[in-house]
Amino acid sequence: MQHDTTRGTKQISIPTRCEHVDMRTGEILNTSKSSFMLAPAPGGTCPECAVKHDPRDPHDAASFHYQYRFFGEHGRWPTWNDALAHCDPVTQERWARELVAHGIDDGTLSGQIPKDSK
């Protein structure tokens, strides 16, 4: 199984906002919309998260590339459930169990683990 090479071959624009702050008071003086360009993932890596992994495994939810690419597409920050969404149910459960066991739970993983298998 290979990654979809049609995605991630062009820069994408990531919407942001710029806040001008009075450094003495911390008051936000004004806010403006802005954006920056996210470069494509390096060759040989996943076009979604820029990490080399088996396409059947989840994206690296901690990857800067994945976080900003996801934010640019969905307008919110990704969760581990988002990174696992393309995986089969067995892989989702296995990864959720291991992440929770290692103290990595963004509040979305517990529902992936069947109650009778904890």
PDB file of N, CA and C in Angstrom:
ATOM      1  N   MET A   1       0.850  -1.183   0.000  1.00  0.00           N
ATOM      2  CA  MET A   1       0.000   0.000   0.000  1.00  0.00           C
ATOM      3  C   MET A   1       0.893   1.243   0.000  1.00  0.00           C
ATOM      4  N   GLN A   2       0.595   2.202  -0.858  1.00  0.00           N
ATOM      5  CA  GLN A   2       1.397   3.413  -0.948  1.00  0.00           C
ATOM      6  C   GLN A   2       0.548   4.632  -0.644  1.00  0.00           C
ATOM      7  N   HIS A   3       1.237   5.717  -0.298  1.00  0.00           N
ATOM      8  CA  HIS A   3       0.542   6.981  -0.047  1.00  0.00           C
ATOM      9  C   HIS A   3       0.012   7.548  -1.358  1.00  0.00           C
ATOM     10  N   ASP A   4      -1.060   8.292  -1.276  1.00  0.00           N
ATOM     11  CA  ASP A   4      -1.616   8.989  -2.435  1.00  0.00           C
ATOM     12  C   ASP A   4      -0.641  10.094  -2.814  1.00  0.00           C
ATOM     13  N   THR A   5       0.064   9.917  -3.909  1.00  0.00           N
ATOM     14  CA  THR A   5       1.083  10.893  -4.296  1.00  0.00           C
ATOM     15  C   THR A   5       0.506  12.097  -5.019  1.00  0.00           C
ATOM     16  N   THR A   6      -0.810  12.108  -5.260  1.00  0.00           N
ATOM     17  CA  THR A   6      -1.401  13.277  -5.911  1.00  0.00           C
ATOM     18  C   THR A   6      -1.641  14.395  -4.906  1.00  0.00           C
ATOM     19  N   ARG A   7      -1.639  14.065  -3.612  1.00  0.00           N
ATOM     20  CA  ARG A   7      -1.806  15.083  -2.571  1.00  0.00           C
ATOM     21  C   ARG A   7      -0.425  15.515  -2.087  1.00  0.00           C
ATOM     22  N   GLY A   8      -0.324  16.727  -1.611  1.00  0.00           N
ATOM     23  CA  GLY A   8       0.910  17.171  -0.985  1.00  0.00           C
ATOM     24  C   GLY A   8       2.019  17.531  -1.941  1.00  0.00           C
ATOM     25  N   THR A   9       1.705  17.742  -3.221  1.00  0.00           N
ATOM     26  CA  THR A   9       2.758  18.076  -4.176  1.00  0.00           C
ATOM     27  C   THR A   9       2.878  19.575  -4.414  1.00  0.00           C
ATOM     28  N   LYS A  10       1.971  20.347  -3.853  1.00  0.00           N
ATOM     29  CA  LYS A  10       1.999  21.798  -4.019  1.00  0.00           C
ATOM     30  C   LYS A  10       1.929  22.469  -2.659  1.00  0.00           C
ATOM     31  N   GLN A  11       2.435  23.693  -2.605  1.00  0.00           N
ATOM     32  CA  GLN A  11       2.293  24.469  -1.377  1.00  0.00           C
ATOM     33  C   GLN A  11       0.819  24.748  -1.141  1.00  0.00           C
ATOM     34  N   ILE A  12       0.441  24.801   0.127  1.00  0.00           N
ATOM     35  CA  ILE A  12      -0.936  25.173   0.441  1.00  0.00           C
ATOM     36  C   ILE A  12      -0.922  26.395   1.348  1.00  0.00           C
ATOM     37  N   SER A  13      -1.921  27.219   1.179  1.00  0.00           N
ATOM     38  CA  SER A  13      -2.046  28.438   1.971  1.00  0.00           C
ATOM     39  C   SER A  13      -2.767  28.111   3.278  1.00  0.00           C
ATOM     40  N   ILE A  14      -2.164  28.502   4.391  1.00  0.00           N
ATOM     41  CA  ILE A  14      -2.737  28.267   5.713  1.00  0.00           C
ATOM     42  C   ILE A  14      -3.226  29.607   6.256  1.00  0.00           C
ATOM     43  N   PRO A  15      -4.529  29.732   6.518  1.00  0.00           N
ATOM     44  CA  PRO A  15      -5.038  30.998   7.057  1.00  0.00           C
ATOM     45  C   PRO A  15      -4.591  31.197   8.504  1.00  0.00           C
ATOM     46  N   THR A  16      -4.222  32.412   8.820  1.00  0.00           N
ATOM     47  CA  THR A  16      -3.834  32.770  10.185  1.00  0.00           C
ATOM     48  C   THR A  16      -4.380  34.157  10.485  1.00  0.00           C
ATOM     49  N   ARG A  17      -4.148  34.609  11.685  1.00  0.00           N
ATOM     50  CA  ARG A  17      -4.473  35.999  11.994  1.00  0.00           C
ATOM     51  C   ARG A  17      -3.265  36.604  12.696  1.00  0.00           C
ATOM     52  N   CYS A  18      -3.072  37.852  12.472  1.00  0.00           N
ATOM     53  CA  CYS A  18      -1.951  38.591  13.037  1.00  0.00           C
ATOM     54  C   CYS A  18      -2.497  39.559  14.085  1.00  0.00           C
ATOM     55  N   GLU A  19      -1.963  39.471  15.295  1.00  0.00           N
ATOM     56  CA  GLU A  19      -2.381  40.386  16.358  1.00  0.00           C
ATOM     57  C   GLU A  19      -1.239  41.347  16.662  1.00  0.00           C
ATOM     58  N   HIS A  20      -1.537  42.623  16.650  1.00  0.00           N
ATOM     59  CA  HIS A  20      -0.567  43.643  17.031  1.00  0.00           C
ATOM     60  C   HIS A  20      -0.830  43.959  18.498  1.00  0.00           C
ATOM     61  N   VAL A  21       0.198  43.761  19.322  1.00  0.00           N
ATOM     62  CA  VAL A  21       0.038  43.844  20.770  1.00  0.00           C
ATOM     63  C   VAL A  21       0.906  44.963  21.332  1.00  0.00           C
ATOM     64  N   ASP A  22       0.340  45.733  22.259  1.00  0.00           N
ATOM     65  CA  ASP A  22       1.118  46.723  23.007  1.00  0.00           C
ATOM     66  C   ASP A  22       1.977  45.933  23.989  1.00  0.00           C
ATOM     67  N   MET A  23       3.275  45.933  23.779  1.00  0.00           N
ATOM     68  CA  MET A  23       4.172  45.111  24.584  1.00  0.00           C
ATOM     69  C   MET A  23       4.262  45.565  26.037  1.00  0.00           C
ATOM     70  N   ARG A  24       3.878  46.796  26.322  1.00  0.00           N
ATOM     71  CA  ARG A  24       3.894  47.264  27.715  1.00  0.00           C
ATOM     72  C   ARG A  24       2.681  46.778  28.483  1.00  0.00           C
ATOM     73  N   THR A  25       1.520  46.764  27.829  1.00  0.00           N
ATOM     74  CA  THR A  25       0.281  46.440  28.538  1.00  0.00           C
ATOM     75  C   THR A  25      -0.278  45.057  28.189  1.00  0.00           C
ATOM     76  N   GLY A  26       0.148  44.494  27.075  1.00  0.00           N
ATOM     77  CA  GLY A  26      -0.406  43.222  26.621  1.00  0.00           C
ATOM     78  C   GLY A  26      -1.722  43.380  25.884  1.00  0.00           C
ATOM     79  N   GLU A  27      -2.180  44.626  25.733  1.00  0.00           N
ATOM     80  CA  GLU A  27      -3.445  44.885  25.048  1.00  0.00           C
ATOM     81  C   GLU A  27      -3.295  44.607  23.552  1.00  0.00           C
ATOM     82  N   ILE A  28      -4.289  43.912  22.990  1.00  0.00           N
ATOM     83  CA  ILE A  28      -4.310  43.681  21.544  1.00  0.00           C
ATOM     84  C   ILE A  28      -4.823  44.951  20.883  1.00  0.00           C
ATOM     85  N   LEU A  29      -3.975  45.568  20.060  1.00  0.00           N
ATOM     86  CA  LEU A  29      -4.320  46.833  19.423  1.00  0.00           C
ATOM     87  C   LEU A  29      -5.194  46.623  18.189  1.00  0.00           C
ATOM     88  N   ASN A  30      -4.859  45.637  17.377  1.00  0.00           N
ATOM     89  CA  ASN A  30      -5.694  45.299  16.227  1.00  0.00           C
ATOM     90  C   ASN A  30      -5.353  43.894  15.749  1.00  0.00           C
ATOM     91  N   THR A  31      -6.248  43.357  14.977  1.00  0.00           N
ATOM     92  CA  THR A  31      -6.091  42.009  14.442  1.00  0.00           C
ATOM     93  C   THR A  31      -6.362  42.057  12.946  1.00  0.00           C
ATOM     94  N   SER A  32      -5.540  41.346  12.192  1.00  0.00           N
ATOM     95  CA  SER A  32      -5.762  41.278  10.751  1.00  0.00           C
ATOM     96  C   SER A  32      -5.607  39.833  10.283  1.00  0.00           C
ATOM     97  N   LYS A  33      -6.279  39.522   9.180  1.00  0.00           N
ATOM     98  CA  LYS A  33      -6.157  38.189   8.599  1.00  0.00           C
ATOM     99  C   LYS A  33      -4.856  38.114   7.819  1.00  0.00           C
ATOM    100  N   SER A  34      -4.265  36.952   7.823  1.00  0.00           N
ATOM    101  CA  SER A  34      -3.019  36.732   7.121  1.00  0.00           C
ATOM    102  C   SER A  34      -2.984  35.269   6.679  1.00  0.00           C
ATOM    103  N   SER A  35      -1.899  34.853   6.103  1.00  0.00           N
ATOM    104  CA  SER A  35      -1.720  33.449   5.751  1.00  0.00           C
ATOM    105  C   SER A  35      -0.235  33.186   5.554  1.00  0.00           C
ATOM    106  N   PHE A  36       0.117  31.918   5.543  1.00  0.00           N
ATOM    107  CA  PHE A  36       1.477  31.538   5.180  1.00  0.00           C
ATOM    108  C   PHE A  36       1.395  30.299   4.306  1.00  0.00           C
ATOM    109  N   MET A  37       2.451  30.042   3.583  1.00  0.00           N
ATOM    110  CA  MET A  37       2.479  28.904   2.670  1.00  0.00           C
ATOM    111  C   MET A  37       3.203  27.736   3.334  1.00  0.00           C
ATOM    112  N   LEU A  38       2.562  26.576   3.313  1.00  0.00           N
ATOM    113  CA  LEU A  38       3.153  25.358   3.845  1.00  0.00           C
ATOM    114  C   LEU A  38       3.733  24.574   2.669  1.00  0.00           C
ATOM    115  N   ALA A  39       5.025  24.321   2.742  1.00  0.00           N
ATOM    116  CA  ALA A  39       5.696  23.583   1.669  1.00  0.00           C
ATOM    117  C   ALA A  39       5.211  22.136   1.643  1.00  0.00           C
ATOM    118  N   PRO A  40       5.304  21.484   0.489  1.00  0.00           N
ATOM    119  CA  PRO A  40       4.909  20.079   0.427  1.00  0.00           C
ATOM    120  C   PRO A  40       5.826  19.206   1.282  1.00  0.00           C
ATOM    121  N   ALA A  41       5.321  18.049   1.659  1.00  0.00           N
ATOM    122  CA  ALA A  41       6.122  17.090   2.423  1.00  0.00           C
ATOM    123  C   ALA A  41       7.293  16.611   1.566  1.00  0.00           C
ATOM    124  N   PRO A  42       8.427  16.320   2.200  1.00  0.00           N
ATOM    125  CA  PRO A  42       9.568  15.809   1.438  1.00  0.00           C
ATOM    126  C   PRO A  42       9.230  14.488   0.742  1.00  0.00           C
ATOM    127  N   GLY A  43       9.871  14.233  -0.373  1.00  0.00           N
ATOM    128  CA  GLY A  43       9.665  12.978  -1.088  1.00  0.00           C
ATOM    129  C   GLY A  43       9.932  11.778  -0.191  1.00  0.00           C
ATOM    130  N   GLY A  44       9.161  10.733  -0.385  1.00  0.00           N
ATOM    131  CA  GLY A  44       9.341   9.522   0.406  1.00  0.00           C
ATOM    132  C   GLY A  44       8.642   9.542   1.750  1.00  0.00           C
ATOM    133  N   THR A  45       7.954  10.656   2.049  1.00  0.00           N
ATOM    134  CA  THR A  45       7.211  10.745   3.306  1.00  0.00           C
ATOM    135  C   THR A  45       5.724  10.867   3.004  1.00  0.00           C
ATOM    136  N   CYS A  46       4.925  10.699   4.031  1.00  0.00           N
ATOM    137  CA  CYS A  46       3.479  10.845   3.892  1.00  0.00           C
ATOM    138  C   CYS A  46       3.154  12.287   3.508  1.00  0.00           C
ATOM    139  N   PRO A  47       2.366  12.514   2.460  1.00  0.00           N
ATOM    140  CA  PRO A  47       2.046  13.884   2.061  1.00  0.00           C
ATOM    141  C   PRO A  47       1.175  14.624   3.074  1.00  0.00           C
ATOM    142  N   GLU A  48       0.519  13.889   3.977  1.00  0.00           N
ATOM    143  CA  GLU A  48      -0.329  14.529   4.989  1.00  0.00           C
ATOM    144  C   GLU A  48       0.465  14.997   6.204  1.00  0.00           C
ATOM    145  N   CYS A  49       1.406  14.145   6.682  1.00  0.00           N
ATOM    146  CA  CYS A  49       2.093  14.471   7.942  1.00  0.00           C
ATOM    147  C   CYS A  49       3.601  14.635   7.797  1.00  0.00           C
ATOM    148  N   ALA A  50       4.137  14.392   6.613  1.00  0.00           N
ATOM    149  CA  ALA A  50       5.569  14.553   6.332  1.00  0.00           C
ATOM    150  C   ALA A  50       6.443  13.618   7.163  1.00  0.00           C
ATOM    151  N   VAL A  51       5.901  12.463   7.527  1.00  0.00           N
ATOM    152  CA  VAL A  51       6.634  11.446   8.275  1.00  0.00           C
ATOM    153  C   VAL A  51       6.584  10.157   7.461  1.00  0.00           C
ATOM    154  N   LYS A  52       7.674   9.410   7.460  1.00  0.00           N
ATOM    155  CA  LYS A  52       7.684   8.134   6.749  1.00  0.00           C
ATOM    156  C   LYS A  52       7.013   7.085   7.636  1.00  0.00           C
ATOM    157  N   HIS A  53       5.860   6.579   7.192  1.00  0.00           N
ATOM    158  CA  HIS A  53       5.152   5.533   7.931  1.00  0.00           C
ATOM    159  C   HIS A  53       4.349   4.694   6.954  1.00  0.00           C
ATOM    160  N   ASP A  54       3.976   3.521   7.392  1.00  0.00           N
ATOM    161  CA  ASP A  54       3.119   2.656   6.584  1.00  0.00           C
ATOM    162  C   ASP A  54       1.790   3.378   6.387  1.00  0.00           C
ATOM    163  N   PRO A  55       1.270   3.458   5.175  1.00  0.00           N
ATOM    164  CA  PRO A  55       0.006   4.173   4.939  1.00  0.00           C
ATOM    165  C   PRO A  55      -1.172   3.629   5.744  1.00  0.00           C
ATOM    166  N   ARG A  56      -1.066   2.392   6.231  1.00  0.00           N
ATOM    167  CA  ARG A  56      -2.139   1.825   7.052  1.00  0.00           C
ATOM    168  C   ARG A  56      -2.081   2.315   8.491  1.00  0.00           C
ATOM    169  N   ASP A  57      -0.960   2.917   8.882  1.00  0.00           N
ATOM    170  CA  ASP A  57      -0.803   3.458  10.234  1.00  0.00           C
ATOM    171  C   ASP A  57      -1.277   4.905  10.278  1.00  0.00           C
ATOM    172  N   PRO A  58      -1.540   5.427  11.481  1.00  0.00           N
ATOM    173  CA  PRO A  58      -2.041   6.805  11.580  1.00  0.00           C
ATOM    174  C   PRO A  58      -0.985   7.833  11.199  1.00  0.00           C
ATOM    175  N   HIS A  59      -1.474   9.008  10.869  1.00  0.00           N
ATOM    176  CA  HIS A  59      -0.575  10.137  10.660  1.00  0.00           C
ATOM    177  C   HIS A  59       0.031  10.519  12.003  1.00  0.00           C
ATOM    178  N   ASP A  60       1.141  11.216  11.976  1.00  0.00           N
ATOM    179  CA  ASP A  60       1.770  11.685  13.210  1.00  0.00           C
ATOM    180  C   ASP A  60       1.063  12.961  13.643  1.00  0.00           C
ATOM    181  N   ALA A  61       0.182  12.830  14.628  1.00  0.00           N
ATOM    182  CA  ALA A  61      -0.615  13.975  15.085  1.00  0.00           C
ATOM    183  C   ALA A  61       0.243  15.070  15.707  1.00  0.00           C
ATOM    184  N   ALA A  62       1.477  14.748  16.090  1.00  0.00           N
ATOM    185  CA  ALA A  62       2.369  15.744  16.683  1.00  0.00           C
ATOM    186  C   ALA A  62       3.228  16.454  15.638  1.00  0.00           C
ATOM    187  N   SER A  63       3.116  16.038  14.387  1.00  0.00           N
ATOM    188  CA  SER A  63       3.911  16.637  13.318  1.00  0.00           C
ATOM    189  C   SER A  63       3.424  18.057  13.014  1.00  0.00           C
ATOM    190  N   PHE A  64       4.363  18.994  12.975  1.00  0.00           N
ATOM    191  CA  PHE A  64       4.049  20.380  12.614  1.00  0.00           C
ATOM    192  C   PHE A  64       3.318  20.403  11.280  1.00  0.00           C
ATOM    193  N   HIS A  65       3.828  19.646  10.319  1.00  0.00           N
ATOM    194  CA  HIS A  65       3.243  19.624   8.975  1.00  0.00           C
ATOM    195  C   HIS A  65       1.792  19.150   9.028  1.00  0.00           C
ATOM    196  N   TYR A  66       1.540  18.062   9.757  1.00  0.00           N
ATOM    197  CA  TYR A  66       0.177  17.533   9.850  1.00  0.00           C
ATOM    198  C   TYR A  66      -0.746  18.529  10.544  1.00  0.00           C
ATOM    199  N   GLN A  67      -0.277  19.097  11.646  1.00  0.00           N
ATOM    200  CA  GLN A  67      -1.125  20.023  12.395  1.00  0.00           C
ATOM    201  C   GLN A  67      -1.533  21.221  11.551  1.00  0.00           C
ATOM    202  N   TYR A  68      -0.588  21.837  10.857  1.00  0.00           N
ATOM    203  CA  TYR A  68      -0.917  23.029  10.072  1.00  0.00           C
ATOM    204  C   TYR A  68      -1.653  22.687   8.781  1.00  0.00           C
ATOM    205  N   ARG A  69      -1.337  21.566   8.174  1.00  0.00           N
ATOM    206  CA  ARG A  69      -2.076  21.152   6.976  1.00  0.00           C
ATOM    207  C   ARG A  69      -3.534  20.888   7.347  1.00  0.00           C
ATOM    208  N   PHE A  70      -3.743  20.169   8.453  1.00  0.00           N
ATOM    209  CA  PHE A  70      -5.100  19.861   8.908  1.00  0.00           C
ATOM    210  C   PHE A  70      -5.837  21.154   9.248  1.00  0.00           C
ATOM    211  N   PHE A  71      -5.180  22.064   9.969  1.00  0.00           N
ATOM    212  CA  PHE A  71      -5.801  23.339  10.326  1.00  0.00           C
ATOM    213  C   PHE A  71      -6.206  24.109   9.073  1.00  0.00           C
ATOM    214  N   GLY A  72      -5.335  24.117   8.069  1.00  0.00           N
ATOM    215  CA  GLY A  72      -5.639  24.818   6.823  1.00  0.00           C
ATOM    216  C   GLY A  72      -6.839  24.238   6.101  1.00  0.00           C
ATOM    217  N   GLU A  73      -7.036  22.932   6.206  1.00  0.00           N
ATOM    218  CA  GLU A  73      -8.154  22.283   5.521  1.00  0.00           C
ATOM    219  C   GLU A  73      -9.448  22.307   6.325  1.00  0.00           C
ATOM    220  N   HIS A  74      -9.342  22.275   7.661  1.00  0.00           N
ATOM    221  CA  HIS A  74     -10.535  22.105   8.498  1.00  0.00           C
ATOM    222  C   HIS A  74     -10.825  23.270   9.444  1.00  0.00           C
ATOM    223  N   GLY A  75      -9.881  24.209   9.579  1.00  0.00           N
ATOM    224  CA  GLY A  75     -10.109  25.361  10.452  1.00  0.00           C
ATOM    225  C   GLY A  75     -10.075  25.041  11.933  1.00  0.00           C
ATOM    226  N   ARG A  76      -9.521  23.895  12.286  1.00  0.00           N
ATOM    227  CA  ARG A  76      -9.358  23.516  13.694  1.00  0.00           C
ATOM    228  C   ARG A  76      -8.123  22.630  13.799  1.00  0.00           C
ATOM    229  N   TRP A  77      -7.622  22.477  15.018  1.00  0.00           N
ATOM    230  CA  TRP A  77      -6.445  21.642  15.237  1.00  0.00           C
ATOM    231  C   TRP A  77      -6.854  20.174  15.256  1.00  0.00           C
ATOM    232  N   PRO A  78      -6.003  19.282  14.766  1.00  0.00           N
ATOM    233  CA  PRO A  78      -6.354  17.861  14.713  1.00  0.00           C
ATOM    234  C   PRO A  78      -6.254  17.183  16.076  1.00  0.00           C
ATOM    235  N   THR A  79      -7.007  16.112  16.207  1.00  0.00           N
ATOM    236  CA  THR A  79      -6.923  15.237  17.374  1.00  0.00           C
ATOM    237  C   THR A  79      -6.274  13.927  16.924  1.00  0.00           C
ATOM    238  N   TRP A  80      -5.962  13.083  17.886  1.00  0.00           N
ATOM    239  CA  TRP A  80      -5.455  11.767  17.512  1.00  0.00           C
ATOM    240  C   TRP A  80      -6.516  10.989  16.746  1.00  0.00           C
ATOM    241  N   ASN A  81      -7.791  11.187  17.066  1.00  0.00           N
ATOM    242  CA  ASN A  81      -8.844  10.522  16.296  1.00  0.00           C
ATOM    243  C   ASN A  81      -8.790  10.930  14.829  1.00  0.00           C
ATOM    244  N   ASP A  82      -8.481  12.188  14.558  1.00  0.00           N
ATOM    245  CA  ASP A  82      -8.333  12.636  13.173  1.00  0.00           C
ATOM    246  C   ASP A  82      -7.169  11.907  12.501  1.00  0.00           C
ATOM    247  N   ALA A  83      -6.061  11.781  13.222  1.00  0.00           N
ATOM    248  CA  ALA A  83      -4.882  11.108  12.674  1.00  0.00           C
ATOM    249  C   ALA A  83      -5.144   9.626  12.417  1.00  0.00           C
ATOM    250  N   LEU A  84      -6.072   9.048  13.177  1.00  0.00           N
ATOM    251  CA  LEU A  84      -6.422   7.630  13.049  1.00  0.00           C
ATOM    252  C   LEU A  84      -7.574   7.372  12.083  1.00  0.00           C
ATOM    253  N   ALA A  85      -8.250   8.413  11.636  1.00  0.00           N
ATOM    254  CA  ALA A  85      -9.517   8.273  10.903  1.00  0.00           C
ATOM    255  C   ALA A  85      -9.432   7.378   9.668  1.00  0.00           C
ATOM    256  N   HIS A  86      -8.314   7.377   8.966  1.00  0.00           N
ATOM    257  CA  HIS A  86      -8.202   6.581   7.741  1.00  0.00           C
ATOM    258  C   HIS A  86      -7.821   5.126   8.008  1.00  0.00           C
ATOM    259  N   CYS A  87      -7.546   4.798   9.261  1.00  0.00           N
ATOM    260  CA  CYS A  87      -7.111   3.442   9.616  1.00  0.00           C
ATOM    261  C   CYS A  87      -8.300   2.504   9.793  1.00  0.00           C
ATOM    262  N   ASP A  88      -8.044   1.206   9.644  1.00  0.00           N
ATOM    263  CA  ASP A  88      -9.098   0.221   9.872  1.00  0.00           C
ATOM    264  C   ASP A  88      -9.405   0.163  11.375  1.00  0.00           C
ATOM    265  N   PRO A  89     -10.577  -0.348  11.755  1.00  0.00           N
ATOM    266  CA  PRO A  89     -10.989  -0.360  13.163  1.00  0.00           C
ATOM    267  C   PRO A  89     -10.015  -1.072  14.107  1.00  0.00           C
ATOM    268  N   VAL A  90      -9.392  -2.148  13.658  1.00  0.00           N
ATOM    269  CA  VAL A  90      -8.435  -2.865  14.513  1.00  0.00           C
ATOM    270  C   VAL A  90      -7.224  -1.979  14.803  1.00  0.00           C
ATOM    271  N   THR A  91      -6.718  -1.311  13.780  1.00  0.00           N
ATOM    272  CA  THR A  91      -5.576  -0.406  13.960  1.00  0.00           C
ATOM    273  C   THR A  91      -5.963   0.765  14.853  1.00  0.00           C
ATOM    274  N   GLN A  92      -7.152   1.320  14.653  1.00  0.00           N
ATOM    275  CA  GLN A  92      -7.608   2.429  15.500  1.00  0.00           C
ATOM    276  C   GLN A  92      -7.639   2.016  16.964  1.00  0.00           C
ATOM    277  N   GLU A  93      -8.205   0.851  17.252  1.00  0.00           N
ATOM    278  CA  GLU A  93      -8.294   0.391  18.638  1.00  0.00           C
ATOM    279  C   GLU A  93      -6.906   0.137  19.221  1.00  0.00           C
ATOM    280  N   ARG A  94      -6.037  -0.523  18.457  1.00  0.00           N
ATOM    281  CA  ARG A  94      -4.679  -0.828  18.936  1.00  0.00           C
ATOM    282  C   ARG A  94      -3.913   0.453  19.264  1.00  0.00           C
ATOM    283  N   TRP A  95      -3.955   1.429  18.364  1.00  0.00           N
ATOM    284  CA  TRP A  95      -3.244   2.684  18.593  1.00  0.00           C
ATOM    285  C   TRP A  95      -3.857   3.466  19.751  1.00  0.00           C
ATOM    286  N   ALA A  96      -5.185   3.514  19.819  1.00  0.00           N
ATOM    287  CA  ALA A  96      -5.841   4.238  20.917  1.00  0.00           C
ATOM    288  C   ALA A  96      -5.439   3.636  22.254  1.00  0.00           C
ATOM    289  N   ARG A  97      -5.445   2.316  22.345  1.00  0.00           N
ATOM    290  CA  ARG A  97      -5.073   1.638  23.589  1.00  0.00           C
ATOM    291  C   ARG A  97      -3.635   1.995  23.995  1.00  0.00           C
ATOM    292  N   GLU A  98      -2.710   1.936  23.046  1.00  0.00           N
ATOM    293  CA  GLU A  98      -1.302   2.229  23.344  1.00  0.00           C
ATOM    294  C   GLU A  98      -1.085   3.697  23.704  1.00  0.00           C
ATOM    295  N   LEU A  99      -1.727   4.597  22.980  1.00  0.00           N
ATOM    296  CA  LEU A  99      -1.579   6.022  23.298  1.00  0.00           C
ATOM    297  C   LEU A  99      -2.095   6.321  24.704  1.00  0.00           C
ATOM    298  N   VAL A 100      -3.274   5.796  25.041  1.00  0.00           N
ATOM    299  CA  VAL A 100      -3.840   6.012  26.379  1.00  0.00           C
ATOM    300  C   VAL A 100      -2.929   5.388  27.436  1.00  0.00           C
ATOM    301  N   ALA A 101      -2.398   4.196  27.173  1.00  0.00           N
ATOM    302  CA  ALA A 101      -1.505   3.521  28.121  1.00  0.00           C
ATOM    303  C   ALA A 101      -0.241   4.333  28.380  1.00  0.00           C
ATOM    304  N   HIS A 102       0.171   5.123  27.401  1.00  0.00           N
ATOM    305  CA  HIS A 102       1.365   5.965  27.544  1.00  0.00           C
ATOM    306  C   HIS A 102       1.025   7.388  27.988  1.00  0.00           C
ATOM    307  N   GLY A 103      -0.212   7.595  28.415  1.00  0.00           N
ATOM    308  CA  GLY A 103      -0.605   8.913  28.928  1.00  0.00           C
ATOM    309  C   GLY A 103      -0.876   9.942  27.854  1.00  0.00           C
ATOM    310  N   ILE A 104      -1.035   9.501  26.627  1.00  0.00           N
ATOM    311  CA  ILE A 104      -1.306  10.427  25.526  1.00  0.00           C
ATOM    312  C   ILE A 104      -2.776  10.287  25.162  1.00  0.00           C
ATOM    313  N   ASP A 105      -3.604  11.148  25.709  1.00  0.00           N
ATOM    314  CA  ASP A 105      -5.034  11.120  25.403  1.00  0.00           C
ATOM    315  C   ASP A 105      -5.514  12.554  25.326  1.00  0.00           C
ATOM    316  N   ASP A 106      -5.912  12.963  24.138  1.00  0.00           N
ATOM    317  CA  ASP A 106      -6.402  14.329  23.949  1.00  0.00           C
ATOM    318  C   ASP A 106      -7.892  14.432  24.234  1.00  0.00           C
ATOM    319  N   GLY A 107      -8.438  13.416  24.903  1.00  0.00           N
ATOM    320  CA  GLY A 107      -9.850  13.429  25.245  1.00  0.00           C
ATOM    321  C   GLY A 107     -10.724  12.773  24.195  1.00  0.00           C
ATOM    322  N   THR A 108     -10.135  12.341  23.083  1.00  0.00           N
ATOM    323  CA  THR A 108     -10.927  11.733  22.014  1.00  0.00           C
ATOM    324  C   THR A 108     -10.677  10.241  21.878  1.00  0.00           C
ATOM    325  N   LEU A 109      -9.690   9.714  22.586  1.00  0.00           N
ATOM    326  CA  LEU A 109      -9.277   8.333  22.349  1.00  0.00           C
ATOM    327  C   LEU A 109     -10.056   7.289  23.133  1.00  0.00           C
ATOM    328  N   SER A 110     -10.520   7.632  24.313  1.00  0.00           N
ATOM    329  CA  SER A 110     -11.165   6.652  25.184  1.00  0.00           C
ATOM    330  C   SER A 110     -12.306   5.931  24.488  1.00  0.00           C
ATOM    331  N   GLY A 111     -13.050   6.627  23.656  1.00  0.00           N
ATOM    332  CA  GLY A 111     -14.167   6.027  22.947  1.00  0.00           C
ATOM    333  C   GLY A 111     -13.754   4.988  21.921  1.00  0.00           C
ATOM    334  N   GLN A 112     -12.478   4.939  21.569  1.00  0.00           N
ATOM    335  CA  GLN A 112     -11.992   3.966  20.588  1.00  0.00           C
ATOM    336  C   GLN A 112     -11.749   2.595  21.209  1.00  0.00           C
ATOM    337  N   ILE A 113     -11.692   2.532  22.549  1.00  0.00           N
ATOM    338  CA  ILE A 113     -11.352   1.290  23.225  1.00  0.00           C
ATOM    339  C   ILE A 113     -12.627   0.647  23.757  1.00  0.00           C
ATOM    340  N   PRO A 114     -12.995  -0.532  23.266  1.00  0.00           N
ATOM    341  CA  PRO A 114     -14.201  -1.190  23.768  1.00  0.00           C
ATOM    342  C   PRO A 114     -14.120  -1.413  25.275  1.00  0.00           C
ATOM    343  N   LYS A 115     -15.229  -1.219  25.964  1.00  0.00           N
ATOM    344  CA  LYS A 115     -15.271  -1.321  27.429  1.00  0.00           C
ATOM    345  C   LYS A 115     -14.806  -2.695  27.921  1.00  0.00           C
ATOM    346  N   ASP A 116     -15.130  -3.761  27.196  1.00  0.00           N
ATOM    347  CA  ASP A 116     -14.791  -5.102  27.657  1.00  0.00           C
ATOM    348  C   ASP A 116     -13.344  -5.500  27.383  1.00  0.00           C
ATOM    349  N   SER A 117     -12.546  -4.626  26.768  1.00  0.00           N
ATOM    350  CA  SER A 117     -11.164  -4.997  26.449  1.00  0.00           C
ATOM    351  C   SER A 117     -10.129  -4.139  27.151  1.00  0.00           C
ATOM    352  N   LYS A 118     -10.554  -3.314  28.111  1.00  0.00           N
ATOM    353  CA  LYS A 118      -9.600  -2.433  28.797  1.00  0.00           C
ATOM    354  C   LYS A 118      -8.703  -3.192  29.731  1.00  0.00           C
TER     355      LYS A 118
END
